[in-house]
Amino acid sequence: MLKDAIRKLGLKLGADVVGFASIEDYRSERSPDPKTFMPGVTSLIVLGYREIDGALDSSNDRISLSSRMGAMDLSKANNYRLARFIENEFDARAAAVNFSYPLDMTPPTMGLVGDISLRHAAVAAGLGVFGRHNLVINPEFGSRLIYTALLTELQLASDPPITEDLCNDCGICVEQCPAGALDEEGKTDEMKCLKVSQPSGIGGLIGYLRKFIGATPEDQKKFLMDPRFLSLYQASFIGFQYQCFRCIASCPVGRKNRAYGKAHG
């Protein structure tokens, strides 16, 4: 009954999939124990939002990013609404875990590990299995979902896990990765990935500032008009500015990854 009410609201708000996991079934080697920051947590509610196919398949990274930003904004608002619904209706604490950020930027992880691994949460909630690209593959949407989660004190049983191996080991994601971040099976080289997927992230900003500080006043004026600086400035208020989606877009698994053009002549 509880799960039905929460799932119904999550789907009504715009999530494409909703799953549930007992906190005992959630396992992530790198992320901290959720009970260290929410001692009473007993369950995870995981929501998935699909990427827009036309945007994800676009060669224009700004178009792809705009779609991702929309999914992130929708998911953040819905996390708040669902957490409030749980606390108001069921008198149980709830807390949101948003997609991508905010992150713990302190050593030793320096933003590379989330408080909750949303990938592992999605698998624990029966929403998918891991593929060769180390992302979650959902039976319907393939890799084209972003996930968010809620921690809650509600006692919610885990949804049945997916036991089918959805990845066909085609290797396309490995071949398509421009950073070579997937070369070692079972591991994503995060630093290689970040250099390509987030060139305007903090690493790029620090590198640019170092060059700027060491330049002459005349060259500093040129630095401030450089397109690279303007991209970094734009990223400063957009947030994490993703510029590569190939591991997701190249994965052939999932019914949503289809040729729409055939249906329209």
C-alpha atoms as a PDB file:
ATOM      1  CA  MET A   1       0.000   0.000   0.000  1.00  0.00           C
ATOM      2  CA  LEU A   2       2.753   2.468   0.924  1.00  0.00           C
ATOM      3  CA  LYS A   3       4.805   1.523  -2.107  1.00  0.00           C
ATOM      4  CA  ASP A   4       1.805   1.830  -4.409  1.00  0.00           C
ATOM      5  CA  ALA A   5       1.019   5.345  -3.172  1.00  0.00           C
ATOM      6  CA  ILE A   6       4.620   6.525  -3.491  1.00  0.00           C
ATOM      7  CA  ARG A   7       5.142   4.898  -6.886  1.00  0.00           C
ATOM      8  CA  LYS A   8       1.900   6.394  -8.203  1.00  0.00           C
ATOM      9  CA  LEU A   9       2.910   9.895  -7.123  1.00  0.00           C
ATOM     10  CA  GLY A  10       6.448   9.517  -8.478  1.00  0.00           C
ATOM     11  CA  LEU A  11       5.158   8.486 -11.899  1.00  0.00           C
ATOM     12  CA  LYS A  12       2.525  11.216 -11.848  1.00  0.00           C
ATOM     13  CA  LEU A  13       5.225  13.812 -11.172  1.00  0.00           C
ATOM     14  CA  GLY A  14       7.131  12.691 -14.250  1.00  0.00           C
ATOM     15  CA  ALA A  15       9.485   9.884 -13.278  1.00  0.00           C
ATOM     16  CA  ASP A  16       9.624   7.058 -15.823  1.00  0.00           C
ATOM     17  CA  VAL A  17      10.462   4.329 -13.313  1.00  0.00           C
ATOM     18  CA  VAL A  18      10.222   4.046  -9.532  1.00  0.00           C
ATOM     19  CA  GLY A  19      11.806   1.311  -7.443  1.00  0.00           C
ATOM     20  CA  PHE A  20      12.301   0.465  -3.782  1.00  0.00           C
ATOM     21  CA  ALA A  21      15.192  -1.059  -1.862  1.00  0.00           C
ATOM     22  CA  SER A  22      15.661  -2.042   1.745  1.00  0.00           C
ATOM     23  CA  ILE A  23      18.796  -0.322   2.985  1.00  0.00           C
ATOM     24  CA  GLU A  24      20.190  -3.781   3.755  1.00  0.00           C
ATOM     25  CA  ASP A  25      20.137  -4.645   0.038  1.00  0.00           C
ATOM     26  CA  TYR A  26      22.011  -1.480  -0.981  1.00  0.00           C
ATOM     27  CA  ARG A  27      25.736  -2.089  -1.266  1.00  0.00           C
ATOM     28  CA  SER A  28      28.394   0.305  -2.494  1.00  0.00           C
ATOM     29  CA  GLU A  29      32.044  -0.261  -1.654  1.00  0.00           C
ATOM     30  CA  ARG A  30      33.102   3.355  -2.108  1.00  0.00           C
ATOM     31  CA  SER A  31      30.176   5.379  -0.759  1.00  0.00           C
ATOM     32  CA  PRO A  32      29.701   5.857   2.990  1.00  0.00           C
ATOM     33  CA  ASP A  33      27.177   3.894   5.031  1.00  0.00           C
ATOM     34  CA  PRO A  34      23.869   5.858   4.775  1.00  0.00           C
ATOM     35  CA  LYS A  35      23.276   5.267   8.472  1.00  0.00           C
ATOM     36  CA  THR A  36      26.224   7.540   9.272  1.00  0.00           C
ATOM     37  CA  PHE A  37      24.273  10.570   8.081  1.00  0.00           C
ATOM     38  CA  MET A  38      20.694   9.310   8.546  1.00  0.00           C
ATOM     39  CA  PRO A  39      20.746   6.852  11.460  1.00  0.00           C
ATOM     40  CA  GLY A  40      17.087   5.869  11.157  1.00  0.00           C
ATOM     41  CA  VAL A  41      17.134   5.098   7.415  1.00  0.00           C
ATOM     42  CA  THR A  42      15.571   1.781   6.491  1.00  0.00           C
ATOM     43  CA  SER A  43      14.741   2.158   2.811  1.00  0.00           C
ATOM     44  CA  LEU A  44      15.667   3.787  -0.474  1.00  0.00           C
ATOM     45  CA  ILE A  45      13.201   5.047  -3.050  1.00  0.00           C
ATOM     46  CA  VAL A  46      14.844   5.338  -6.467  1.00  0.00           C
ATOM     47  CA  LEU A  47      13.417   7.278  -9.399  1.00  0.00           C
ATOM     48  CA  GLY A  48      14.610   7.228 -12.996  1.00  0.00           C
ATOM     49  CA  TYR A  49      14.076   9.901 -15.645  1.00  0.00           C
ATOM     50  CA  ARG A  50      14.776   9.150 -19.258  1.00  0.00           C
ATOM     51  CA  GLU A  51      17.057  11.197 -21.429  1.00  0.00           C
ATOM     52  CA  ILE A  52      15.364  12.754 -24.455  1.00  0.00           C
ATOM     53  CA  ASP A  53      16.453  10.642 -27.418  1.00  0.00           C
ATOM     54  CA  GLY A  54      16.698  13.441 -29.954  1.00  0.00           C
ATOM     55  CA  ALA A  55      18.872  15.525 -27.645  1.00  0.00           C
ATOM     56  CA  LEU A  56      21.036  12.639 -26.514  1.00  0.00           C
ATOM     57  CA  ASP A  57      21.719  11.627 -30.109  1.00  0.00           C
ATOM     58  CA  SER A  58      22.481  15.182 -31.221  1.00  0.00           C
ATOM     59  CA  SER A  59      26.030  16.028 -32.282  1.00  0.00           C
ATOM     60  CA  ASN A  60      25.572  19.407 -30.570  1.00  0.00           C
ATOM     61  CA  ASP A  61      26.641  18.986 -26.946  1.00  0.00           C
ATOM     62  CA  ARG A  62      24.715  22.097 -25.898  1.00  0.00           C
ATOM     63  CA  ILE A  63      21.490  20.476 -27.094  1.00  0.00           C
ATOM     64  CA  SER A  64      22.321  17.301 -25.191  1.00  0.00           C
ATOM     65  CA  LEU A  65      23.203  19.258 -22.064  1.00  0.00           C
ATOM     66  CA  SER A  66      19.973  21.274 -22.198  1.00  0.00           C
ATOM     67  CA  SER A  67      17.988  18.054 -22.036  1.00  0.00           C
ATOM     68  CA  ARG A  68      20.089  16.766 -19.137  1.00  0.00           C
ATOM     69  CA  MET A  69      19.559  20.041 -17.264  1.00  0.00           C
ATOM     70  CA  GLY A  70      15.799  19.693 -17.699  1.00  0.00           C
ATOM     71  CA  ALA A  71      15.848  16.168 -16.295  1.00  0.00           C
ATOM     72  CA  MET A  72      17.974  17.299 -13.357  1.00  0.00           C
ATOM     73  CA  ASP A  73      15.678  20.240 -12.556  1.00  0.00           C
ATOM     74  CA  LEU A  74      12.569  18.050 -12.729  1.00  0.00           C
ATOM     75  CA  SER A  75      14.118  15.350 -10.574  1.00  0.00           C
ATOM     76  CA  LYS A  76      15.282  17.819  -7.906  1.00  0.00           C
ATOM     77  CA  ALA A  77      11.840  19.359  -7.572  1.00  0.00           C
ATOM     78  CA  ASN A  78      10.200  15.941  -7.452  1.00  0.00           C
ATOM     79  CA  ASN A  79      12.567  14.703  -4.764  1.00  0.00           C
ATOM     80  CA  TYR A  80      11.464  17.581  -2.572  1.00  0.00           C
ATOM     81  CA  ARG A  81       7.786  16.951  -3.300  1.00  0.00           C
ATOM     82  CA  LEU A  82       8.077  13.240  -2.559  1.00  0.00           C
ATOM     83  CA  ALA A  83      10.050  13.795   0.641  1.00  0.00           C
ATOM     84  CA  ARG A  84       7.426  16.261   1.831  1.00  0.00           C
ATOM     85  CA  PHE A  85       4.647  13.827   0.876  1.00  0.00           C
ATOM     86  CA  ILE A  86       6.242  11.027   2.905  1.00  0.00           C
ATOM     87  CA  GLU A  87       6.777  13.207   5.958  1.00  0.00           C
ATOM     88  CA  ASN A  88       3.285  14.722   5.799  1.00  0.00           C
ATOM     89  CA  GLU A  89       1.325  11.584   4.978  1.00  0.00           C
ATOM     90  CA  PHE A  90       3.246   8.843   6.766  1.00  0.00           C
ATOM     91  CA  ASP A  91       4.979  10.730   9.590  1.00  0.00           C
ATOM     92  CA  ALA A  92       8.375   9.296   8.634  1.00  0.00           C
ATOM     93  CA  ARG A  93      11.540  11.221   7.893  1.00  0.00           C
ATOM     94  CA  ALA A  94      12.796  11.439   4.323  1.00  0.00           C
ATOM     95  CA  ALA A  95      15.775  13.081   2.629  1.00  0.00           C
ATOM     96  CA  ALA A  96      16.652  13.611  -1.007  1.00  0.00           C
ATOM     97  CA  VAL A  97      19.742  12.444  -2.881  1.00  0.00           C
ATOM     98  CA  ASN A  98      19.934  14.423  -6.113  1.00  0.00           C
ATOM     99  CA  PHE A  99      21.586  13.418  -9.344  1.00  0.00           C
ATOM    100  CA  SER A 100      25.226  14.405  -9.801  1.00  0.00           C
ATOM    101  CA  TYR A 101      25.638  17.154  -7.188  1.00  0.00           C
ATOM    102  CA  PRO A 102      26.090  18.531  -4.519  1.00  0.00           C
ATOM    103  CA  LEU A 103      29.132  16.391  -3.753  1.00  0.00           C
ATOM    104  CA  ASP A 104      31.618  16.123  -0.926  1.00  0.00           C
ATOM    105  CA  MET A 105      34.619  17.990  -2.343  1.00  0.00           C
ATOM    106  CA  THR A 106      36.944  17.302   0.595  1.00  0.00           C
ATOM    107  CA  PRO A 107      39.841  14.799   0.544  1.00  0.00           C
ATOM    108  CA  PRO A 108      40.266  11.980  -0.099  1.00  0.00           C
ATOM    109  CA  THR A 109      37.426  11.607  -2.608  1.00  0.00           C
ATOM    110  CA  MET A 110      37.418  15.215  -3.891  1.00  0.00           C
ATOM    111  CA  GLY A 111      33.944  14.963  -5.416  1.00  0.00           C
ATOM    112  CA  LEU A 112      34.495  11.593  -7.091  1.00  0.00           C
ATOM    113  CA  VAL A 113      32.240   9.621  -4.732  1.00  0.00           C
ATOM    114  CA  GLY A 114      28.629  10.425  -3.920  1.00  0.00           C
ATOM    115  CA  ASP A 115      27.032  10.121  -0.508  1.00  0.00           C
ATOM    116  CA  ILE A 116      24.813   7.503  -2.134  1.00  0.00           C
ATOM    117  CA  SER A 117      25.815   5.582  -5.245  1.00  0.00           C
ATOM    118  CA  LEU A 118      22.709   6.083  -7.341  1.00  0.00           C
ATOM    119  CA  ARG A 119      23.841   3.333  -9.714  1.00  0.00           C
ATOM    120  CA  HIS A 120      24.006   0.779  -6.931  1.00  0.00           C
ATOM    121  CA  ALA A 121      20.750   2.099  -5.486  1.00  0.00           C
ATOM    122  CA  ALA A 122      18.988   1.586  -8.835  1.00  0.00           C
ATOM    123  CA  VAL A 123      20.252  -1.983  -9.083  1.00  0.00           C
ATOM    124  CA  ALA A 124      19.216  -2.698  -5.477  1.00  0.00           C
ATOM    125  CA  ALA A 125      15.746  -1.316  -6.267  1.00  0.00           C
ATOM    126  CA  GLY A 126      15.258  -3.704  -9.174  1.00  0.00           C
ATOM    127  CA  LEU A 127      15.509  -1.054 -11.878  1.00  0.00           C
ATOM    128  CA  GLY A 128      18.399  -2.513 -13.844  1.00  0.00           C
ATOM    129  CA  VAL A 129      21.751  -4.257 -13.994  1.00  0.00           C
ATOM    130  CA  PHE A 130      25.264  -3.024 -14.663  1.00  0.00           C
ATOM    131  CA  GLY A 131      26.565  -3.056 -18.221  1.00  0.00           C
ATOM    132  CA  ARG A 132      30.047  -3.081 -19.699  1.00  0.00           C
ATOM    133  CA  HIS A 133      30.083   0.720 -19.430  1.00  0.00           C
ATOM    134  CA  ASN A 134      29.474   0.431 -15.649  1.00  0.00           C
ATOM    135  CA  LEU A 135      26.170   2.258 -16.013  1.00  0.00           C
ATOM    136  CA  VAL A 136      22.772   0.806 -15.169  1.00  0.00           C
ATOM    137  CA  ILE A 137      20.832  -0.818 -18.000  1.00  0.00           C
ATOM    138  CA  ASN A 138      17.058  -0.786 -17.548  1.00  0.00           C
ATOM    139  CA  PRO A 139      14.931  -3.368 -19.418  1.00  0.00           C
ATOM    140  CA  GLU A 140      12.796  -0.704 -21.103  1.00  0.00           C
ATOM    141  CA  PHE A 141      14.984   2.377 -21.375  1.00  0.00           C
ATOM    142  CA  GLY A 142      18.425   0.823 -21.587  1.00  0.00           C
ATOM    143  CA  SER A 143      21.120   3.219 -20.361  1.00  0.00           C
ATOM    144  CA  ARG A 144      19.042   6.313 -21.050  1.00  0.00           C
ATOM    145  CA  LEU A 145      17.937   7.066 -17.501  1.00  0.00           C
ATOM    146  CA  ILE A 146      19.328   9.327 -14.816  1.00  0.00           C
ATOM    147  CA  TYR A 147      18.556   8.306 -11.249  1.00  0.00           C
ATOM    148  CA  THR A 148      17.771  10.101  -8.021  1.00  0.00           C
ATOM    149  CA  ALA A 149      16.828   8.687  -4.632  1.00  0.00           C
ATOM    150  CA  LEU A 150      15.141   9.338  -1.326  1.00  0.00           C
ATOM    151  CA  LEU A 151      16.323   8.005   2.006  1.00  0.00           C
ATOM    152  CA  THR A 152      13.457   7.275   4.345  1.00  0.00           C
ATOM    153  CA  GLU A 153      12.596   5.741   7.688  1.00  0.00           C
ATOM    154  CA  LEU A 154       9.609   3.981   6.118  1.00  0.00           C
ATOM    155  CA  GLN A 155       9.900   0.193   6.125  1.00  0.00           C
ATOM    156  CA  LEU A 156       9.773  -0.702   2.430  1.00  0.00           C
ATOM    157  CA  ALA A 157      10.682  -4.107   1.034  1.00  0.00           C
ATOM    158  CA  SER A 158      13.033  -4.283  -1.947  1.00  0.00           C
ATOM    159  CA  ASP A 159      11.510  -4.744  -5.379  1.00  0.00           C
ATOM    160  CA  PRO A 160      12.545  -7.995  -7.101  1.00  0.00           C
ATOM    161  CA  PRO A 161      16.036  -7.704  -8.626  1.00  0.00           C
ATOM    162  CA  ILE A 162      16.555  -8.042 -12.349  1.00  0.00           C
ATOM    163  CA  THR A 163      18.392 -11.284 -12.954  1.00  0.00           C
ATOM    164  CA  GLU A 164      18.620 -11.112 -16.748  1.00  0.00           C
ATOM    165  CA  ASP A 165      21.985 -10.017 -18.163  1.00  0.00           C
ATOM    166  CA  LEU A 166      20.805  -7.071 -20.275  1.00  0.00           C
ATOM    167  CA  CYS A 167      24.253  -6.148 -21.585  1.00  0.00           C
ATOM    168  CA  ASN A 168      25.075  -7.976 -24.821  1.00  0.00           C
ATOM    169  CA  ASP A 169      28.828  -7.316 -24.524  1.00  0.00           C
ATOM    170  CA  CYS A 170      28.900  -5.643 -27.931  1.00  0.00           C
ATOM    171  CA  GLY A 171      31.770  -3.392 -26.811  1.00  0.00           C
ATOM    172  CA  ILE A 172      30.373  -0.349 -28.615  1.00  0.00           C
ATOM    173  CA  CYS A 173      30.542   1.803 -25.475  1.00  0.00           C
ATOM    174  CA  VAL A 174      34.244   0.991 -25.093  1.00  0.00           C
ATOM    175  CA  GLU A 175      34.964   1.820 -28.723  1.00  0.00           C
ATOM    176  CA  GLN A 176      32.923   5.031 -28.621  1.00  0.00           C
ATOM    177  CA  CYS A 177      34.518   6.443 -25.458  1.00  0.00           C
ATOM    178  CA  PRO A 178      36.808   9.266 -26.688  1.00  0.00           C
ATOM    179  CA  ALA A 179      38.712   9.270 -23.394  1.00  0.00           C
ATOM    180  CA  GLY A 180      39.505   5.551 -23.271  1.00  0.00           C
ATOM    181  CA  ALA A 181      37.973   5.563 -19.801  1.00  0.00           C
ATOM    182  CA  LEU A 182      36.366   2.118 -20.198  1.00  0.00           C
ATOM    183  CA  ASP A 183      39.359   0.181 -21.453  1.00  0.00           C
ATOM    184  CA  GLU A 184      39.673  -1.817 -18.239  1.00  0.00           C
ATOM    185  CA  GLU A 185      36.607  -3.984 -17.764  1.00  0.00           C
ATOM    186  CA  GLY A 186      34.733  -3.337 -14.526  1.00  0.00           C
ATOM    187  CA  LYS A 187      36.310   0.058 -14.017  1.00  0.00           C
ATOM    188  CA  THR A 188      35.725   3.607 -15.220  1.00  0.00           C
ATOM    189  CA  ASP A 189      38.832   5.768 -15.183  1.00  0.00           C
ATOM    190  CA  GLU A 190      37.170   8.823 -13.704  1.00  0.00           C
ATOM    191  CA  MET A 191      39.956  11.292 -14.401  1.00  0.00           C
ATOM    192  CA  LYS A 192      40.094  10.326 -18.081  1.00  0.00           C
ATOM    193  CA  CYS A 193      36.311  10.602 -18.271  1.00  0.00           C
ATOM    194  CA  LEU A 194      36.176  14.004 -16.578  1.00  0.00           C
ATOM    195  CA  LYS A 195      38.729  15.557 -18.914  1.00  0.00           C
ATOM    196  CA  VAL A 196      36.440  14.845 -21.863  1.00  0.00           C
ATOM    197  CA  SER A 197      32.961  14.924 -20.319  1.00  0.00           C
ATOM    198  CA  GLN A 198      33.552  18.009 -18.148  1.00  0.00           C
ATOM    199  CA  PRO A 199      36.336  20.067 -19.745  1.00  0.00           C
ATOM    200  CA  SER A 200      34.863  23.178 -18.122  1.00  0.00           C
ATOM    201  CA  GLY A 201      34.812  21.603 -14.677  1.00  0.00           C
ATOM    202  CA  ILE A 202      37.001  22.520 -11.745  1.00  0.00           C
ATOM    203  CA  GLY A 203      40.085  20.896 -13.244  1.00  0.00           C
ATOM    204  CA  GLY A 204      39.793  23.010 -16.382  1.00  0.00           C
ATOM    205  CA  LEU A 205      39.106  26.125 -14.324  1.00  0.00           C
ATOM    206  CA  ILE A 206      42.173  25.634 -12.113  1.00  0.00           C
ATOM    207  CA  GLY A 207      44.384  25.061 -15.140  1.00  0.00           C
ATOM    208  CA  TYR A 208      43.125  28.201 -16.810  1.00  0.00           C
ATOM    209  CA  LEU A 209      43.531  30.319 -13.672  1.00  0.00           C
ATOM    210  CA  ARG A 210      47.123  29.194 -13.295  1.00  0.00           C
ATOM    211  CA  LYS A 211      47.901  30.359 -16.816  1.00  0.00           C
ATOM    212  CA  PHE A 212      46.027  33.600 -16.232  1.00  0.00           C
ATOM    213  CA  ILE A 213      47.861  34.425 -12.994  1.00  0.00           C
ATOM    214  CA  GLY A 214      51.235  33.846 -14.593  1.00  0.00           C
ATOM    215  CA  ALA A 215      50.513  35.931 -17.691  1.00  0.00           C
ATOM    216  CA  THR A 216      51.452  39.535 -18.361  1.00  0.00           C
ATOM    217  CA  PRO A 217      48.732  42.199 -17.955  1.00  0.00           C
ATOM    218  CA  GLU A 218      48.460  42.448 -21.734  1.00  0.00           C
ATOM    219  CA  ASP A 219      48.031  38.681 -22.131  1.00  0.00           C
ATOM    220  CA  GLN A 220      45.539  38.610 -19.259  1.00  0.00           C
ATOM    221  CA  LYS A 221      43.281  40.903 -21.306  1.00  0.00           C
ATOM    222  CA  LYS A 222      43.436  38.346 -24.126  1.00  0.00           C
ATOM    223  CA  PHE A 223      42.703  35.525 -21.677  1.00  0.00           C
ATOM    224  CA  LEU A 224      39.497  37.287 -20.618  1.00  0.00           C
ATOM    225  CA  MET A 225      38.269  37.392 -24.209  1.00  0.00           C
ATOM    226  CA  ASP A 226      39.288  33.825 -24.986  1.00  0.00           C
ATOM    227  CA  PRO A 227      36.346  31.497 -25.862  1.00  0.00           C
ATOM    228  CA  ARG A 228      37.792  29.063 -23.339  1.00  0.00           C
ATOM    229  CA  PHE A 229      37.319  31.608 -20.537  1.00  0.00           C
ATOM    230  CA  LEU A 230      33.787  32.348 -21.717  1.00  0.00           C
ATOM    231  CA  SER A 231      32.954  28.634 -21.583  1.00  0.00           C
ATOM    232  CA  LEU A 232      34.349  28.414 -18.069  1.00  0.00           C
ATOM    233  CA  TYR A 233      32.322  31.459 -17.054  1.00  0.00           C
ATOM    234  CA  GLN A 234      29.154  29.888 -18.453  1.00  0.00           C
ATOM    235  CA  ALA A 235      29.868  26.628 -16.623  1.00  0.00           C
ATOM    236  CA  SER A 236      30.276  28.541 -13.355  1.00  0.00           C
ATOM    237  CA  PHE A 237      26.528  29.193 -13.167  1.00  0.00           C
ATOM    238  CA  ILE A 238      25.247  26.202 -15.144  1.00  0.00           C
ATOM    239  CA  GLY A 239      26.941  23.702 -12.856  1.00  0.00           C
ATOM    240  CA  PHE A 240      28.528  20.468 -14.033  1.00  0.00           C
ATOM    241  CA  GLN A 241      28.607  21.065 -17.779  1.00  0.00           C
ATOM    242  CA  TYR A 242      28.576  17.650 -19.421  1.00  0.00           C
ATOM    243  CA  GLN A 243      29.904  17.578 -22.954  1.00  0.00           C
ATOM    244  CA  CYS A 244      30.036  13.859 -23.689  1.00  0.00           C
ATOM    245  CA  PHE A 245      27.192  11.338 -23.605  1.00  0.00           C
ATOM    246  CA  ARG A 246      28.623   8.651 -25.868  1.00  0.00           C
ATOM    247  CA  CYS A 247      28.634   5.782 -23.384  1.00  0.00           C
ATOM    248  CA  ILE A 248      24.888   6.334 -22.949  1.00  0.00           C
ATOM    249  CA  ALA A 249      23.967   7.212 -26.519  1.00  0.00           C
ATOM    250  CA  SER A 250      25.940   4.358 -28.088  1.00  0.00           C
ATOM    251  CA  CYS A 251      24.392   1.585 -25.980  1.00  0.00           C
ATOM    252  CA  PRO A 252      21.943  -0.329 -28.223  1.00  0.00           C
ATOM    253  CA  VAL A 253      19.955  -1.864 -25.364  1.00  0.00           C
ATOM    254  CA  GLY A 254      16.445  -0.585 -24.616  1.00  0.00           C
ATOM    255  CA  ARG A 255      13.287  -0.029 -26.619  1.00  0.00           C
ATOM    256  CA  LYS A 256      13.578   3.751 -26.380  1.00  0.00           C
ATOM    257  CA  ASN A 257      16.786   3.600 -28.426  1.00  0.00           C
ATOM    258  CA  ARG A 258      14.984   3.259 -31.756  1.00  0.00           C
ATOM    259  CA  ALA A 259      14.970   4.886 -35.168  1.00  0.00           C
ATOM    260  CA  TYR A 260      12.154   7.428 -34.951  1.00  0.00           C
ATOM    261  CA  GLY A 261      12.729   8.609 -38.505  1.00  0.00           C
ATOM    262  CA  LYS A 262      11.399   5.373 -39.970  1.00  0.00           C
ATOM    263  CA  ALA A 263       7.986   6.071 -38.472  1.00  0.00           C
ATOM    264  CA  HIS A 264       7.794   9.487 -40.137  1.00  0.00           C
ATOM    265  CA  GLY A 265       9.006   8.642 -43.595  1.00  0.00           C
END
